[in-house]
Amino acid sequence: MSFAGEVKRELCRQPLSRRCCAQAEAYGVLLYCNTFTPREIRVVTESPALAQRLPALFKKAFRVSFDRLPEGEGKAVFSITQPDKLAAVCQVYGLDRGAAALHVNFAVLEESCCRAAFLRGAFLAGGSVTDPRKSYHLEVACSHHSASREVLALMRELELEPKAAQRKGNAVIYFKQSDRIEDFLTCIGAPLAAMEVMNAKLERDLRGSVNRRVNCDVANQDKAVEAAMTQVEAIRRLEQRGGMAALPDKLREAAALRLAHPEDTLSQLAERCDPPVTKSALNHRLRKLVELGRGER
């Protein structure tokens, strides 16, 4: 099952205990479903969890049943066309039979629990979310632009900080940041999914940190190898010119140690000196050898 499917399954485990919250959740479903007019309600879903929840949700919210229930496998289609049932639903939300566009009736969403339930319904009907191990993206999309603007305002009032866009004639509200997705999922009743997003981010950050450290170590190692090769070449040139005998004892010792142990780090080479010296002191001696090998004074 996809991550989005797991999220919707978790959301559908929320109990239908209060009628006001059931009406708010059903409102979100209706505004983000396929068809919601005073003449027809039609909900199409690929989520088995939502398909199982819808009949109980509508029974709790409106005391009505669907005229048409899903047949067979695949997409589940629920519909209501009977006038008396449609009137019962529209009456709850104050939907005018002659309304040109759908709007959010905020009188239905006065309680904080109802607002969360409303957003849960919107996500169940029109939402999707990517696997956080791959990328961060959560969105809800519908064709009712006026309603979408009002839902956007509601989310911002709840400090969820979404963004909005238009895509293929639909109004889309979306989140791209992991912490915002976590906040939204927690708000609508999916704390386990929010925790999974958080864990995925921590794992990604940890992998990034390890990779950066490894890359840094490799880069430092490459620099050390390059420096050692430069030192060996300079010492060889000094030998060819017969300049080793004129060097002070400390420089001759450093040169001999570097030629004998070309793969040693500065720390390891400093320990081999007699007596041992600091890494800084040895580095100074090797730099002097490089200068002399280049003919610098």
C-alpha atoms as a PDB file:
ATOM      1  CA  MET A   1       0.000   0.000   0.000  1.00  0.00           C
ATOM      2  CA  SER A   2       1.198   3.508  -0.810  1.00  0.00           C
ATOM      3  CA  PHE A   3       1.987   6.015   1.911  1.00  0.00           C
ATOM      4  CA  ALA A   4      -1.091   8.047   0.906  1.00  0.00           C
ATOM      5  CA  GLY A   5      -3.205   4.905   1.288  1.00  0.00           C
ATOM      6  CA  GLU A   6      -1.743   4.282   4.742  1.00  0.00           C
ATOM      7  CA  VAL A   7      -2.536   7.871   5.763  1.00  0.00           C
ATOM      8  CA  LYS A   8      -6.151   7.569   4.623  1.00  0.00           C
ATOM      9  CA  ARG A   9      -6.516   4.244   6.383  1.00  0.00           C
ATOM     10  CA  GLU A  10      -5.290   5.840   9.614  1.00  0.00           C
ATOM     11  CA  LEU A  11      -7.699   8.762   9.181  1.00  0.00           C
ATOM     12  CA  CYS A  12     -10.622   6.405   8.601  1.00  0.00           C
ATOM     13  CA  ARG A  13      -9.983   4.780  11.972  1.00  0.00           C
ATOM     14  CA  GLN A  14     -11.164   7.994  13.646  1.00  0.00           C
ATOM     15  CA  PRO A  15     -14.419   7.249  15.500  1.00  0.00           C
ATOM     16  CA  LEU A  16     -17.691   8.847  14.366  1.00  0.00           C
ATOM     17  CA  SER A  17     -18.700   9.909  17.848  1.00  0.00           C
ATOM     18  CA  ARG A  18     -20.132  13.433  17.375  1.00  0.00           C
ATOM     19  CA  ARG A  19     -22.678  14.324  14.749  1.00  0.00           C
ATOM     20  CA  CYS A  20     -21.301  17.852  14.299  1.00  0.00           C
ATOM     21  CA  CYS A  21     -17.870  16.441  13.451  1.00  0.00           C
ATOM     22  CA  ALA A  22     -19.420  13.868  11.109  1.00  0.00           C
ATOM     23  CA  GLN A  23     -21.210  16.702   9.301  1.00  0.00           C
ATOM     24  CA  ALA A  24     -17.964  18.692   9.116  1.00  0.00           C
ATOM     25  CA  GLU A  25     -16.014  15.717   7.746  1.00  0.00           C
ATOM     26  CA  ALA A  26     -18.750  14.956   5.223  1.00  0.00           C
ATOM     27  CA  TYR A  27     -18.637  18.629   4.220  1.00  0.00           C
ATOM     28  CA  GLY A  28     -14.955  18.313   3.387  1.00  0.00           C
ATOM     29  CA  VAL A  29     -15.664  15.157   1.395  1.00  0.00           C
ATOM     30  CA  LEU A  30     -18.477  16.833  -0.553  1.00  0.00           C
ATOM     31  CA  LEU A  31     -16.521  19.974  -1.428  1.00  0.00           C
ATOM     32  CA  TYR A  32     -13.576  17.886  -2.666  1.00  0.00           C
ATOM     33  CA  CYS A  33     -15.471  14.997  -4.257  1.00  0.00           C
ATOM     34  CA  ASN A  34     -16.440  14.610  -7.922  1.00  0.00           C
ATOM     35  CA  THR A  35     -19.935  16.152  -7.860  1.00  0.00           C
ATOM     36  CA  PHE A  36     -21.788  18.141  -5.203  1.00  0.00           C
ATOM     37  CA  THR A  37     -24.855  20.085  -6.344  1.00  0.00           C
ATOM     38  CA  PRO A  38     -28.456  20.369  -5.128  1.00  0.00           C
ATOM     39  CA  ARG A  39     -29.313  17.872  -7.876  1.00  0.00           C
ATOM     40  CA  GLU A  40     -26.608  15.247  -7.461  1.00  0.00           C
ATOM     41  CA  ILE A  41     -23.920  13.972  -5.100  1.00  0.00           C
ATOM     42  CA  ARG A  42     -21.289  11.699  -6.567  1.00  0.00           C
ATOM     43  CA  VAL A  43     -18.198  10.508  -4.714  1.00  0.00           C
ATOM     44  CA  VAL A  44     -15.583   8.426  -6.514  1.00  0.00           C
ATOM     45  CA  THR A  45     -12.658   7.017  -4.545  1.00  0.00           C
ATOM     46  CA  GLU A  46      -9.845   4.525  -4.961  1.00  0.00           C
ATOM     47  CA  SER A  47      -9.353   4.299  -1.203  1.00  0.00           C
ATOM     48  CA  PRO A  48     -10.847   1.108   0.278  1.00  0.00           C
ATOM     49  CA  ALA A  49     -10.773   2.708   3.728  1.00  0.00           C
ATOM     50  CA  LEU A  50     -12.820   5.719   2.595  1.00  0.00           C
ATOM     51  CA  ALA A  51     -15.198   3.490   0.651  1.00  0.00           C
ATOM     52  CA  GLN A  52     -15.869   1.574   3.849  1.00  0.00           C
ATOM     53  CA  ARG A  53     -16.278   4.741   5.926  1.00  0.00           C
ATOM     54  CA  LEU A  54     -18.579   6.770   3.651  1.00  0.00           C
ATOM     55  CA  PRO A  55     -21.902   4.960   4.297  1.00  0.00           C
ATOM     56  CA  ALA A  56     -21.447   5.194   8.076  1.00  0.00           C
ATOM     57  CA  LEU A  57     -20.310   8.832   7.776  1.00  0.00           C
ATOM     58  CA  PHE A  58     -23.383   9.902   5.795  1.00  0.00           C
ATOM     59  CA  LYS A  59     -25.686   7.933   8.066  1.00  0.00           C
ATOM     60  CA  LYS A  60     -24.217   9.686  11.123  1.00  0.00           C
ATOM     61  CA  ALA A  61     -24.149  13.143   9.518  1.00  0.00           C
ATOM     62  CA  PHE A  62     -27.487  13.237   7.670  1.00  0.00           C
ATOM     63  CA  ARG A  63     -29.318  10.000   8.533  1.00  0.00           C
ATOM     64  CA  VAL A  64     -29.425   9.162   4.832  1.00  0.00           C
ATOM     65  CA  SER A  65     -28.021   6.325   2.754  1.00  0.00           C
ATOM     66  CA  PHE A  66     -26.537   6.390  -0.726  1.00  0.00           C
ATOM     67  CA  ASP A  67     -28.770   5.587  -3.686  1.00  0.00           C
ATOM     68  CA  ARG A  68     -25.901   3.852  -5.439  1.00  0.00           C
ATOM     69  CA  LEU A  69     -23.156   1.818  -3.822  1.00  0.00           C
ATOM     70  CA  PRO A  70     -19.931   0.452  -5.361  1.00  0.00           C
ATOM     71  CA  GLU A  71     -20.127  -2.552  -7.622  1.00  0.00           C
ATOM     72  CA  GLY A  72     -17.131  -4.875  -7.905  1.00  0.00           C
ATOM     73  CA  GLU A  73     -13.498  -3.907  -7.515  1.00  0.00           C
ATOM     74  CA  GLY A  74     -11.601  -0.828  -8.634  1.00  0.00           C
ATOM     75  CA  LYS A  75     -12.889   2.693  -8.116  1.00  0.00           C
ATOM     76  CA  ALA A  76     -15.779   2.932  -5.680  1.00  0.00           C
ATOM     77  CA  VAL A  77     -18.670   5.160  -6.783  1.00  0.00           C
ATOM     78  CA  PHE A  78     -21.274   6.493  -4.331  1.00  0.00           C
ATOM     79  CA  SER A  79     -24.170   8.656  -5.459  1.00  0.00           C
ATOM     80  CA  ILE A  80     -27.324  10.339  -4.236  1.00  0.00           C
ATOM     81  CA  THR A  81     -29.957  11.672  -6.629  1.00  0.00           C
ATOM     82  CA  GLN A  82     -33.186  11.338  -4.622  1.00  0.00           C
ATOM     83  CA  PRO A  83     -34.531  14.851  -3.965  1.00  0.00           C
ATOM     84  CA  ASP A  84     -35.452  14.260  -0.322  1.00  0.00           C
ATOM     85  CA  LYS A  85     -31.961  12.978   0.532  1.00  0.00           C
ATOM     86  CA  LEU A  86     -30.278  15.822  -1.364  1.00  0.00           C
ATOM     87  CA  ALA A  87     -32.480  18.334   0.453  1.00  0.00           C
ATOM     88  CA  ALA A  88     -31.455  16.866   3.826  1.00  0.00           C
ATOM     89  CA  VAL A  89     -27.773  17.254   2.949  1.00  0.00           C
ATOM     90  CA  CYS A  90     -28.083  20.741   1.448  1.00  0.00           C
ATOM     91  CA  GLN A  91     -30.124  21.949   4.425  1.00  0.00           C
ATOM     92  CA  VAL A  92     -27.261  21.161   6.815  1.00  0.00           C
ATOM     93  CA  TYR A  93     -24.882  23.414   4.871  1.00  0.00           C
ATOM     94  CA  GLY A  94     -27.372  26.073   3.782  1.00  0.00           C
ATOM     95  CA  LEU A  95     -26.735  25.300   0.117  1.00  0.00           C
ATOM     96  CA  ASP A  96     -29.084  27.350  -2.065  1.00  0.00           C
ATOM     97  CA  ARG A  97     -30.612  25.430  -4.941  1.00  0.00           C
ATOM     98  CA  GLY A  98     -29.796  28.291  -7.295  1.00  0.00           C
ATOM     99  CA  ALA A  99     -26.246  28.929  -6.051  1.00  0.00           C
ATOM    100  CA  ALA A 100     -23.787  29.570  -8.898  1.00  0.00           C
ATOM    101  CA  ALA A 101     -20.700  28.525  -6.916  1.00  0.00           C
ATOM    102  CA  LEU A 102     -19.928  26.539  -3.797  1.00  0.00           C
ATOM    103  CA  HIS A 103     -18.688  28.379  -0.712  1.00  0.00           C
ATOM    104  CA  VAL A 104     -17.647  27.187   2.723  1.00  0.00           C
ATOM    105  CA  ASN A 105     -20.332  27.746   5.349  1.00  0.00           C
ATOM    106  CA  PHE A 106     -18.146  28.515   8.361  1.00  0.00           C
ATOM    107  CA  ALA A 107     -21.147  28.306  10.694  1.00  0.00           C
ATOM    108  CA  VAL A 108     -20.750  24.524  10.381  1.00  0.00           C
ATOM    109  CA  LEU A 109     -17.098  24.784  11.469  1.00  0.00           C
ATOM    110  CA  GLU A 110     -17.259  26.816  14.675  1.00  0.00           C
ATOM    111  CA  GLU A 111     -15.601  24.198  16.892  1.00  0.00           C
ATOM    112  CA  SER A 112     -11.916  23.328  16.529  1.00  0.00           C
ATOM    113  CA  CYS A 113     -12.756  19.609  16.380  1.00  0.00           C
ATOM    114  CA  CYS A 114     -15.124  20.288  13.472  1.00  0.00           C
ATOM    115  CA  ARG A 115     -12.464  22.237  11.581  1.00  0.00           C
ATOM    116  CA  ALA A 116     -10.053  19.331  11.927  1.00  0.00           C
ATOM    117  CA  ALA A 117     -12.779  16.926  10.799  1.00  0.00           C
ATOM    118  CA  PHE A 118     -13.562  19.150   7.808  1.00  0.00           C
ATOM    119  CA  LEU A 119      -9.928  19.154   6.671  1.00  0.00           C
ATOM    120  CA  ARG A 120      -9.793  15.397   7.235  1.00  0.00           C
ATOM    121  CA  GLY A 121     -12.739  14.949   4.876  1.00  0.00           C
ATOM    122  CA  ALA A 122     -11.150  17.251   2.295  1.00  0.00           C
ATOM    123  CA  PHE A 123      -7.954  15.215   2.336  1.00  0.00           C
ATOM    124  CA  LEU A 124      -9.813  11.894   2.188  1.00  0.00           C
ATOM    125  CA  ALA A 125     -11.716  12.984  -0.920  1.00  0.00           C
ATOM    126  CA  GLY A 126      -9.234  15.213  -2.729  1.00  0.00           C
ATOM    127  CA  GLY A 127      -5.870  14.754  -1.079  1.00  0.00           C
ATOM    128  CA  SER A 128      -2.626  12.986  -1.814  1.00  0.00           C
ATOM    129  CA  VAL A 129       0.793  12.779  -0.172  1.00  0.00           C
ATOM    130  CA  THR A 130       4.098  11.398  -1.431  1.00  0.00           C
ATOM    131  CA  ASP A 131       6.223   8.854   0.386  1.00  0.00           C
ATOM    132  CA  PRO A 132       8.423  11.002   2.677  1.00  0.00           C
ATOM    133  CA  ARG A 133      11.388   8.709   2.018  1.00  0.00           C
ATOM    134  CA  LYS A 134      11.348  10.012  -1.575  1.00  0.00           C
ATOM    135  CA  SER A 135      10.093  13.607  -1.382  1.00  0.00           C
ATOM    136  CA  TYR A 136       7.870  15.974   0.596  1.00  0.00           C
ATOM    137  CA  HIS A 137       4.573  16.934  -1.035  1.00  0.00           C
ATOM    138  CA  LEU A 138       1.011  16.939   0.293  1.00  0.00           C
ATOM    139  CA  GLU A 139      -1.924  18.511  -1.508  1.00  0.00           C
ATOM    140  CA  VAL A 140      -5.699  18.773  -1.678  1.00  0.00           C
ATOM    141  CA  ALA A 141      -7.286  19.699  -4.994  1.00  0.00           C
ATOM    142  CA  CYS A 142     -10.812  20.516  -6.135  1.00  0.00           C
ATOM    143  CA  SER A 143     -12.608  22.292  -8.977  1.00  0.00           C
ATOM    144  CA  HIS A 144     -14.461  24.750  -6.708  1.00  0.00           C
ATOM    145  CA  HIS A 145     -12.132  27.750  -6.735  1.00  0.00           C
ATOM    146  CA  SER A 146     -14.142  29.935  -4.358  1.00  0.00           C
ATOM    147  CA  ALA A 147     -14.376  27.151  -1.796  1.00  0.00           C
ATOM    148  CA  SER A 148     -10.667  26.399  -2.175  1.00  0.00           C
ATOM    149  CA  ARG A 149      -9.751  30.024  -1.416  1.00  0.00           C
ATOM    150  CA  GLU A 150     -11.844  29.847   1.741  1.00  0.00           C
ATOM    151  CA  VAL A 151     -10.267  26.537   2.778  1.00  0.00           C
ATOM    152  CA  LEU A 152      -6.865  28.162   2.214  1.00  0.00           C
ATOM    153  CA  ALA A 153      -7.870  30.998   4.557  1.00  0.00           C
ATOM    154  CA  LEU A 154      -9.053  28.463   7.133  1.00  0.00           C
ATOM    155  CA  MET A 155      -5.727  26.617   7.026  1.00  0.00           C
ATOM    156  CA  ARG A 156      -3.809  29.842   7.448  1.00  0.00           C
ATOM    157  CA  GLU A 157      -6.019  30.772  10.379  1.00  0.00           C
ATOM    158  CA  LEU A 158      -4.979  27.432  11.903  1.00  0.00           C
ATOM    159  CA  GLU A 159      -1.303  28.416  11.257  1.00  0.00           C
ATOM    160  CA  LEU A 160      -0.732  25.522   8.869  1.00  0.00           C
ATOM    161  CA  GLU A 161       0.990  27.802   6.287  1.00  0.00           C
ATOM    162  CA  PRO A 162      -0.002  26.160   2.974  1.00  0.00           C
ATOM    163  CA  LYS A 163       0.656  27.390  -0.565  1.00  0.00           C
ATOM    164  CA  ALA A 164      -1.799  27.552  -3.458  1.00  0.00           C
ATOM    165  CA  ALA A 165      -1.677  26.989  -7.209  1.00  0.00           C
ATOM    166  CA  GLN A 166      -3.871  26.274 -10.233  1.00  0.00           C
ATOM    167  CA  ARG A 167      -3.424  23.006 -12.126  1.00  0.00           C
ATOM    168  CA  LYS A 168      -5.515  21.678 -15.021  1.00  0.00           C
ATOM    169  CA  GLY A 169      -8.519  23.739 -14.000  1.00  0.00           C
ATOM    170  CA  ASN A 170      -8.307  22.697 -10.345  1.00  0.00           C
ATOM    171  CA  ALA A 171      -7.467  24.792  -7.312  1.00  0.00           C
ATOM    172  CA  VAL A 172      -4.635  23.137  -5.408  1.00  0.00           C
ATOM    173  CA  ILE A 173      -3.533  23.750  -1.825  1.00  0.00           C
ATOM    174  CA  TYR A 174      -0.204  22.150  -1.043  1.00  0.00           C
ATOM    175  CA  PHE A 175       2.695  21.769   1.386  1.00  0.00           C
ATOM    176  CA  LYS A 176       6.346  21.175   0.422  1.00  0.00           C
ATOM    177  CA  GLN A 177       8.043  21.331   3.823  1.00  0.00           C
ATOM    178  CA  SER A 178       8.209  18.257   6.020  1.00  0.00           C
ATOM    179  CA  ASP A 179       7.370  20.112   9.235  1.00  0.00           C
ATOM    180  CA  ARG A 180       4.275  21.681   7.622  1.00  0.00           C
ATOM    181  CA  ILE A 181       3.144  18.263   6.404  1.00  0.00           C
ATOM    182  CA  GLU A 182       3.648  16.902   9.925  1.00  0.00           C
ATOM    183  CA  ASP A 183       1.510  19.721  11.359  1.00  0.00           C
ATOM    184  CA  PHE A 184      -1.271  19.126   8.841  1.00  0.00           C
ATOM    185  CA  LEU A 185      -1.353  15.362   9.344  1.00  0.00           C
ATOM    186  CA  THR A 186      -1.401  15.791  13.117  1.00  0.00           C
ATOM    187  CA  CYS A 187      -4.223  18.339  12.836  1.00  0.00           C
ATOM    188  CA  ILE A 188      -6.488  16.065  10.792  1.00  0.00           C
ATOM    189  CA  GLY A 189      -5.933  13.002  12.965  1.00  0.00           C
ATOM    190  CA  ALA A 190      -2.973  11.086  11.491  1.00  0.00           C
ATOM    191  CA  PRO A 191      -0.233  11.369  14.167  1.00  0.00           C
ATOM    192  CA  LEU A 192       1.363   8.047  13.156  1.00  0.00           C
ATOM    193  CA  ALA A 193       1.798   9.255   9.587  1.00  0.00           C
ATOM    194  CA  ALA A 194       3.190  12.557  10.899  1.00  0.00           C
ATOM    195  CA  MET A 195       5.712  10.592  12.945  1.00  0.00           C
ATOM    196  CA  GLU A 196       6.699   8.619   9.853  1.00  0.00           C
ATOM    197  CA  VAL A 197       7.373  11.890   8.011  1.00  0.00           C
ATOM    198  CA  MET A 198       9.485  13.066  10.931  1.00  0.00           C
ATOM    199  CA  ASN A 199      11.460   9.811  11.052  1.00  0.00           C
ATOM    200  CA  ALA A 200      12.053   9.928   7.295  1.00  0.00           C
ATOM    201  CA  LYS A 201      13.418  13.450   7.614  1.00  0.00           C
ATOM    202  CA  LEU A 202      15.710  12.443  10.474  1.00  0.00           C
ATOM    203  CA  GLU A 203      17.019   9.490   8.466  1.00  0.00           C
ATOM    204  CA  ARG A 204      17.587  11.704   5.430  1.00  0.00           C
ATOM    205  CA  ASP A 205      19.379  14.331   7.518  1.00  0.00           C
ATOM    206  CA  LEU A 206      21.538  11.631   9.127  1.00  0.00           C
ATOM    207  CA  ARG A 207      22.489  10.161   5.751  1.00  0.00           C
ATOM    208  CA  GLY A 208      23.300  13.644   4.488  1.00  0.00           C
ATOM    209  CA  SER A 209      25.470  14.334   7.515  1.00  0.00           C
ATOM    210  CA  VAL A 210      27.341  11.041   7.109  1.00  0.00           C
ATOM    211  CA  ASN A 211      27.859  11.661   3.394  1.00  0.00           C
ATOM    212  CA  ARG A 212      29.156  15.170   4.028  1.00  0.00           C
ATOM    213  CA  ARG A 213      31.547  13.834   6.661  1.00  0.00           C
ATOM    214  CA  VAL A 214      32.766  11.063   4.384  1.00  0.00           C
ATOM    215  CA  ASN A 215      33.244  13.510   1.513  1.00  0.00           C
ATOM    216  CA  CYS A 216      35.121  15.856   3.832  1.00  0.00           C
ATOM    217  CA  ASP A 217      37.360  13.024   5.052  1.00  0.00           C
ATOM    218  CA  VAL A 218      38.066  11.915   1.483  1.00  0.00           C
ATOM    219  CA  ALA A 219      38.863  15.492   0.466  1.00  0.00           C
ATOM    220  CA  ASN A 220      41.218  15.890   3.424  1.00  0.00           C
ATOM    221  CA  GLN A 221      42.875  12.579   2.618  1.00  0.00           C
ATOM    222  CA  ASP A 222      43.355  13.635  -0.993  1.00  0.00           C
ATOM    223  CA  LYS A 223      44.947  16.886   0.157  1.00  0.00           C
ATOM    224  CA  ALA A 224      47.267  15.005   2.517  1.00  0.00           C
ATOM    225  CA  VAL A 225      48.346  12.597  -0.247  1.00  0.00           C
ATOM    226  CA  GLU A 226      48.936  15.478  -2.635  1.00  0.00           C
ATOM    227  CA  ALA A 227      51.006  17.327  -0.011  1.00  0.00           C
ATOM    228  CA  ALA A 228      53.081  14.209   0.725  1.00  0.00           C
ATOM    229  CA  MET A 229      53.795  13.707  -2.990  1.00  0.00           C
ATOM    230  CA  THR A 230      54.884  17.330  -3.292  1.00  0.00           C
ATOM    231  CA  GLN A 231      57.204  16.884  -0.315  1.00  0.00           C
ATOM    232  CA  VAL A 232      58.758  13.686  -1.721  1.00  0.00           C
ATOM    233  CA  GLU A 233      59.357  15.320  -5.106  1.00  0.00           C
ATOM    234  CA  ALA A 234      61.013  18.341  -3.473  1.00  0.00           C
ATOM    235  CA  ILE A 235      63.273  16.105  -1.368  1.00  0.00           C
ATOM    236  CA  ARG A 236      64.240  14.071  -4.468  1.00  0.00           C
ATOM    237  CA  ARG A 237      65.217  17.270  -6.251  1.00  0.00           C
ATOM    238  CA  LEU A 238      67.337  18.302  -3.275  1.00  0.00           C
ATOM    239  CA  GLU A 239      69.074  14.933  -3.403  1.00  0.00           C
ATOM    240  CA  GLN A 240      69.722  15.272  -7.116  1.00  0.00           C
ATOM    241  CA  ARG A 241      71.293  18.687  -6.590  1.00  0.00           C
ATOM    242  CA  GLY A 242      73.399  17.376  -3.723  1.00  0.00           C
ATOM    243  CA  GLY A 243      71.796  19.758  -1.278  1.00  0.00           C
ATOM    244  CA  MET A 244      70.924  17.291   1.476  1.00  0.00           C
ATOM    245  CA  ALA A 245      74.331  17.388   3.212  1.00  0.00           C
ATOM    246  CA  ALA A 246      74.078  21.114   3.810  1.00  0.00           C
ATOM    247  CA  LEU A 247      70.708  20.841   5.557  1.00  0.00           C
ATOM    248  CA  PRO A 248      70.340  21.198   9.333  1.00  0.00           C
ATOM    249  CA  ASP A 249      69.937  17.931  11.231  1.00  0.00           C
ATOM    250  CA  LYS A 250      66.214  18.525  11.849  1.00  0.00           C
ATOM    251  CA  LEU A 251      65.483  19.032   8.153  1.00  0.00           C
ATOM    252  CA  ARG A 252      67.554  15.981   7.149  1.00  0.00           C
ATOM    253  CA  GLU A 253      65.618  13.909   9.682  1.00  0.00           C
ATOM    254  CA  ALA A 254      62.271  15.177   8.345  1.00  0.00           C
ATOM    255  CA  ALA A 255      63.360  14.459   4.771  1.00  0.00           C
ATOM    256  CA  ALA A 256      64.501  10.924   5.613  1.00  0.00           C
ATOM    257  CA  LEU A 257      61.283  10.155   7.463  1.00  0.00           C
ATOM    258  CA  ARG A 258      59.121  11.438   4.632  1.00  0.00           C
ATOM    259  CA  LEU A 259      60.980   9.358   2.037  1.00  0.00           C
ATOM    260  CA  ALA A 260      60.800   6.268   4.253  1.00  0.00           C
ATOM    261  CA  HIS A 261      57.095   6.739   5.109  1.00  0.00           C
ATOM    262  CA  PRO A 262      55.399   8.567   2.207  1.00  0.00           C
ATOM    263  CA  GLU A 263      51.894   7.443   3.258  1.00  0.00           C
ATOM    264  CA  ASP A 264      52.123   8.622   6.881  1.00  0.00           C
ATOM    265  CA  THR A 265      50.063  11.557   8.096  1.00  0.00           C
ATOM    266  CA  LEU A 266      51.800  14.524   9.672  1.00  0.00           C
ATOM    267  CA  SER A 267      50.830  13.265  13.128  1.00  0.00           C
ATOM    268  CA  GLN A 268      52.260   9.815  12.471  1.00  0.00           C
ATOM    269  CA  LEU A 269      55.433  11.252  10.996  1.00  0.00           C
ATOM    270  CA  ALA A 270      55.859  13.654  13.930  1.00  0.00           C
ATOM    271  CA  GLU A 271      55.731  10.692  16.331  1.00  0.00           C
ATOM    272  CA  ARG A 272      58.615   9.040  14.461  1.00  0.00           C
ATOM    273  CA  CYS A 273      60.966  11.964  15.085  1.00  0.00           C
ATOM    274  CA  ASP A 274      63.641  11.545  17.738  1.00  0.00           C
ATOM    275  CA  PRO A 275      62.498  13.039  20.002  1.00  0.00           C
ATOM    276  CA  PRO A 276      58.856  13.280  18.832  1.00  0.00           C
ATOM    277  CA  VAL A 277      57.749  16.766  17.790  1.00  0.00           C
ATOM    278  CA  THR A 278      54.434  18.466  17.301  1.00  0.00           C
ATOM    279  CA  LYS A 279      52.559  18.204  14.032  1.00  0.00           C
ATOM    280  CA  SER A 280      52.970  21.954  13.576  1.00  0.00           C
ATOM    281  CA  ALA A 281      56.747  21.760  13.988  1.00  0.00           C
ATOM    282  CA  LEU A 282      57.076  18.919  11.492  1.00  0.00           C
ATOM    283  CA  ASN A 283      54.801  20.702   9.041  1.00  0.00           C
ATOM    284  CA  HIS A 284      57.081  23.753   9.242  1.00  0.00           C
ATOM    285  CA  ARG A 285      60.138  21.597   8.458  1.00  0.00           C
ATOM    286  CA  LEU A 286      58.474  19.908   5.498  1.00  0.00           C
ATOM    287  CA  ARG A 287      57.324  23.251   4.097  1.00  0.00           C
ATOM    288  CA  LYS A 288      60.920  24.469   4.337  1.00  0.00           C
ATOM    289  CA  LEU A 289      62.078  21.378   2.428  1.00  0.00           C
ATOM    290  CA  VAL A 290      59.510  22.066  -0.299  1.00  0.00           C
ATOM    291  CA  GLU A 291      60.755  25.642  -0.587  1.00  0.00           C
ATOM    292  CA  LEU A 292      64.362  24.475  -0.834  1.00  0.00           C
ATOM    293  CA  GLY A 293      63.427  21.817  -3.378  1.00  0.00           C
ATOM    294  CA  ARG A 294      61.839  24.476  -5.569  1.00  0.00           C
ATOM    295  CA  GLY A 295      64.976  26.568  -5.299  1.00  0.00           C
ATOM    296  CA  GLU A 296      63.261  29.144  -3.050  1.00  0.00           C
ATOM    297  CA  ARG A 297      65.015  30.892  -0.174  1.00  0.00           C
END
